[in-house]
């Protein structure tokens, strides 16, 4: 099972940016997996933020982040990224990356994502 580790979270002010990273443990075929990003705000259910297919050609986004967030990946580094711009207080959440095979067809449904990171906290507050 693919092991994933998120990093890059923190406290920022509204309008600022953050880049989250999702690194895979060595020994896994990272470029076989699509990577989904999810978030869970306090008191709310976890929701899909976006997803990028295994070769990086296509990405998908939730309407709430479209135009502000960008997902990318560097398969040679076994790492995916979530670039978050123009952050809003409502973006405050624990952000998770997760892996599924090849494509994002099941996203934002979590069922097909079998490998999850531990999450990283993002807080947007003035």
C-alpha atoms as a PDB file:
ATOM      1  CA  UNK A   1       0.000   0.000   0.000  1.00  0.00           C
ATOM      2  CA  UNK A   2       1.336   3.407  -0.940  1.00  0.00           C
ATOM      3  CA  UNK A   3       2.542   5.451   2.031  1.00  0.00           C
ATOM      4  CA  UNK A   4       1.977   9.191   1.804  1.00  0.00           C
ATOM      5  CA  UNK A   5       3.177  12.097   3.947  1.00  0.00           C
ATOM      6  CA  UNK A   6       1.754  15.615   3.708  1.00  0.00           C
ATOM      7  CA  UNK A   7       3.663  18.730   4.674  1.00  0.00           C
ATOM      8  CA  UNK A   8       3.514  22.484   4.227  1.00  0.00           C
ATOM      9  CA  UNK A   9       0.538  23.428   6.339  1.00  0.00           C
ATOM     10  CA  UNK A  10       0.521  26.392   8.649  1.00  0.00           C
ATOM     11  CA  UNK A  11      -1.124  29.634   9.711  1.00  0.00           C
ATOM     12  CA  UNK A  12      -1.615  32.320   7.074  1.00  0.00           C
ATOM     13  CA  UNK A  13      -3.669  35.462   6.665  1.00  0.00           C
ATOM     14  CA  UNK A  14      -6.570  35.760   4.235  1.00  0.00           C
ATOM     15  CA  UNK A  15      -5.346  36.358   0.708  1.00  0.00           C
ATOM     16  CA  UNK A  16      -2.012  34.655   1.252  1.00  0.00           C
ATOM     17  CA  UNK A  17      -0.724  31.440  -0.307  1.00  0.00           C
ATOM     18  CA  UNK A  18       0.533  28.049   0.811  1.00  0.00           C
ATOM     19  CA  UNK A  19       1.876  25.035  -1.010  1.00  0.00           C
ATOM     20  CA  UNK A  20       1.239  21.609   0.398  1.00  0.00           C
ATOM     21  CA  UNK A  21       3.328  18.619  -0.547  1.00  0.00           C
ATOM     22  CA  UNK A  22       2.372  14.966  -0.640  1.00  0.00           C
ATOM     23  CA  UNK A  23       5.405  12.714  -0.729  1.00  0.00           C
ATOM     24  CA  UNK A  24       5.338   8.984  -1.300  1.00  0.00           C
ATOM     25  CA  UNK A  25       7.596   6.607   0.536  1.00  0.00           C
ATOM     26  CA  UNK A  26      10.323   5.091  -1.578  1.00  0.00           C
ATOM     27  CA  UNK A  27       9.766   1.716  -3.121  1.00  0.00           C
ATOM     28  CA  UNK A  28       6.324   2.512  -4.510  1.00  0.00           C
ATOM     29  CA  UNK A  29       5.413   3.169  -8.120  1.00  0.00           C
ATOM     30  CA  UNK A  30       4.131   6.689  -7.528  1.00  0.00           C
ATOM     31  CA  UNK A  31       3.404   7.323 -11.194  1.00  0.00           C
ATOM     32  CA  UNK A  32       0.825   4.514 -11.152  1.00  0.00           C
ATOM     33  CA  UNK A  33      -1.436   6.443  -8.815  1.00  0.00           C
ATOM     34  CA  UNK A  34      -3.786   9.349  -9.170  1.00  0.00           C
ATOM     35  CA  UNK A  35      -3.554  11.679  -6.169  1.00  0.00           C
ATOM     36  CA  UNK A  36      -6.578  13.247  -4.588  1.00  0.00           C
ATOM     37  CA  UNK A  37      -6.604  16.101  -2.118  1.00  0.00           C
ATOM     38  CA  UNK A  38      -9.293  16.264   0.545  1.00  0.00           C
ATOM     39  CA  UNK A  39      -9.942  18.487   3.536  1.00  0.00           C
ATOM     40  CA  UNK A  40     -11.903  18.349   6.736  1.00  0.00           C
ATOM     41  CA  UNK A  41     -12.934  21.471   8.571  1.00  0.00           C
ATOM     42  CA  UNK A  42     -13.921  21.392  12.252  1.00  0.00           C
ATOM     43  CA  UNK A  43     -17.413  19.975  12.649  1.00  0.00           C
ATOM     44  CA  UNK A  44     -17.756  19.175   8.960  1.00  0.00           C
ATOM     45  CA  UNK A  45     -17.441  16.107   6.806  1.00  0.00           C
ATOM     46  CA  UNK A  46     -14.347  15.564   4.750  1.00  0.00           C
ATOM     47  CA  UNK A  47     -14.676  16.914   1.221  1.00  0.00           C
ATOM     48  CA  UNK A  48     -12.775  16.591  -2.021  1.00  0.00           C
ATOM     49  CA  UNK A  49     -10.578  19.506  -3.021  1.00  0.00           C
ATOM     50  CA  UNK A  50      -9.061  18.209  -6.234  1.00  0.00           C
ATOM     51  CA  UNK A  51      -7.439  15.294  -7.999  1.00  0.00           C
ATOM     52  CA  UNK A  52      -4.647  14.773 -10.517  1.00  0.00           C
ATOM     53  CA  UNK A  53      -4.272  11.721 -12.722  1.00  0.00           C
ATOM     54  CA  UNK A  54      -1.208   9.520 -12.611  1.00  0.00           C
ATOM     55  CA  UNK A  55       0.676  11.156 -15.493  1.00  0.00           C
ATOM     56  CA  UNK A  56      -0.267  14.668 -14.431  1.00  0.00           C
ATOM     57  CA  UNK A  57      -2.079  15.525 -17.655  1.00  0.00           C
ATOM     58  CA  UNK A  58      -5.455  16.265 -16.105  1.00  0.00           C
ATOM     59  CA  UNK A  59      -6.657  17.653 -12.821  1.00  0.00           C
ATOM     60  CA  UNK A  60     -10.077  18.274 -11.340  1.00  0.00           C
ATOM     61  CA  UNK A  61     -11.226  20.746  -8.720  1.00  0.00           C
ATOM     62  CA  UNK A  62     -14.094  21.419  -6.389  1.00  0.00           C
ATOM     63  CA  UNK A  63     -16.067  24.497  -7.342  1.00  0.00           C
ATOM     64  CA  UNK A  64     -15.118  26.128  -4.042  1.00  0.00           C
ATOM     65  CA  UNK A  65     -11.410  26.178  -4.939  1.00  0.00           C
ATOM     66  CA  UNK A  66     -11.481  26.373  -8.732  1.00  0.00           C
ATOM     67  CA  UNK A  67      -9.302  29.223  -9.950  1.00  0.00           C
ATOM     68  CA  UNK A  68      -7.496  29.520  -6.608  1.00  0.00           C
ATOM     69  CA  UNK A  69      -5.957  26.077  -6.077  1.00  0.00           C
ATOM     70  CA  UNK A  70      -3.706  24.154  -8.452  1.00  0.00           C
ATOM     71  CA  UNK A  71      -2.610  20.544  -8.205  1.00  0.00           C
ATOM     72  CA  UNK A  72       0.623  19.395  -9.781  1.00  0.00           C
ATOM     73  CA  UNK A  73       3.031  16.521  -9.443  1.00  0.00           C
ATOM     74  CA  UNK A  74       6.635  15.609 -10.065  1.00  0.00           C
ATOM     75  CA  UNK A  75       6.727  11.871 -10.558  1.00  0.00           C
ATOM     76  CA  UNK A  76      10.528  11.826 -10.618  1.00  0.00           C
ATOM     77  CA  UNK A  77      10.376  13.119  -7.040  1.00  0.00           C
ATOM     78  CA  UNK A  78       7.406  10.943  -6.023  1.00  0.00           C
ATOM     79  CA  UNK A  79       5.640  14.103  -4.876  1.00  0.00           C
ATOM     80  CA  UNK A  80       2.364  15.865  -5.568  1.00  0.00           C
ATOM     81  CA  UNK A  81       1.555  19.452  -4.662  1.00  0.00           C
ATOM     82  CA  UNK A  82      -1.440  21.566  -3.803  1.00  0.00           C
ATOM     83  CA  UNK A  83      -0.784  25.238  -4.478  1.00  0.00           C
ATOM     84  CA  UNK A  84      -3.344  27.326  -2.625  1.00  0.00           C
ATOM     85  CA  UNK A  85      -3.677  30.999  -3.495  1.00  0.00           C
ATOM     86  CA  UNK A  86      -6.055  33.691  -2.294  1.00  0.00           C
ATOM     87  CA  UNK A  87      -6.788  31.687   0.825  1.00  0.00           C
ATOM     88  CA  UNK A  88      -9.977  32.374   2.724  1.00  0.00           C
ATOM     89  CA  UNK A  89     -10.925  31.647   6.330  1.00  0.00           C
ATOM     90  CA  UNK A  90     -13.304  28.967   5.048  1.00  0.00           C
ATOM     91  CA  UNK A  91     -10.300  27.087   3.650  1.00  0.00           C
ATOM     92  CA  UNK A  92      -9.251  26.340   7.217  1.00  0.00           C
ATOM     93  CA  UNK A  93      -9.106  22.554   7.567  1.00  0.00           C
ATOM     94  CA  UNK A  94      -6.898  19.531   7.870  1.00  0.00           C
ATOM     95  CA  UNK A  95      -5.753  18.672   4.365  1.00  0.00           C
ATOM     96  CA  UNK A  96      -5.122  15.104   3.269  1.00  0.00           C
ATOM     97  CA  UNK A  97      -3.705  13.531   0.172  1.00  0.00           C
ATOM     98  CA  UNK A  98      -4.753  10.067  -0.921  1.00  0.00           C
ATOM     99  CA  UNK A  99      -3.983   7.678  -3.746  1.00  0.00           C
ATOM    100  CA  UNK A 100      -6.061   5.646  -6.162  1.00  0.00           C
ATOM    101  CA  UNK A 101      -5.128   3.758  -9.300  1.00  0.00           C
ATOM    102  CA  UNK A 102      -4.273   5.814 -12.392  1.00  0.00           C
ATOM    103  CA  UNK A 103      -7.292   8.108 -12.865  1.00  0.00           C
ATOM    104  CA  UNK A 104      -9.614  10.346 -10.873  1.00  0.00           C
ATOM    105  CA  UNK A 105     -12.873   8.853 -12.060  1.00  0.00           C
ATOM    106  CA  UNK A 106     -14.031   8.066  -8.542  1.00  0.00           C
ATOM    107  CA  UNK A 107     -13.101  11.453  -7.051  1.00  0.00           C
ATOM    108  CA  UNK A 108     -14.523  13.096  -4.943  1.00  0.00           C
ATOM    109  CA  UNK A 109     -15.859   9.795  -3.653  1.00  0.00           C
ATOM    110  CA  UNK A 110     -13.313   8.567  -1.096  1.00  0.00           C
ATOM    111  CA  UNK A 111     -14.064   4.868  -1.376  1.00  0.00           C
ATOM    112  CA  UNK A 112     -11.532   4.157  -4.119  1.00  0.00           C
ATOM    113  CA  UNK A 113      -8.719   6.017  -2.351  1.00  0.00           C
ATOM    114  CA  UNK A 114      -6.987   3.295  -0.370  1.00  0.00           C
ATOM    115  CA  UNK A 115      -3.866   5.072   0.838  1.00  0.00           C
ATOM    116  CA  UNK A 116      -4.023   8.231   2.933  1.00  0.00           C
ATOM    117  CA  UNK A 117      -1.546  10.583   4.509  1.00  0.00           C
ATOM    118  CA  UNK A 118      -1.775  11.741   8.100  1.00  0.00           C
ATOM    119  CA  UNK A 119      -3.012  15.229   7.211  1.00  0.00           C
ATOM    120  CA  UNK A 120      -1.618  18.711   7.636  1.00  0.00           C
ATOM    121  CA  UNK A 121      -3.371  21.633   9.283  1.00  0.00           C
ATOM    122  CA  UNK A 122      -4.075  24.800   7.309  1.00  0.00           C
ATOM    123  CA  UNK A 123      -5.418  27.772   9.238  1.00  0.00           C
ATOM    124  CA  UNK A 124      -6.438  30.988   7.512  1.00  0.00           C
ATOM    125  CA  UNK A 125      -7.032  33.755   9.974  1.00  0.00           C
ATOM    126  CA  UNK A 126      -6.261  37.422  10.486  1.00  0.00           C
END
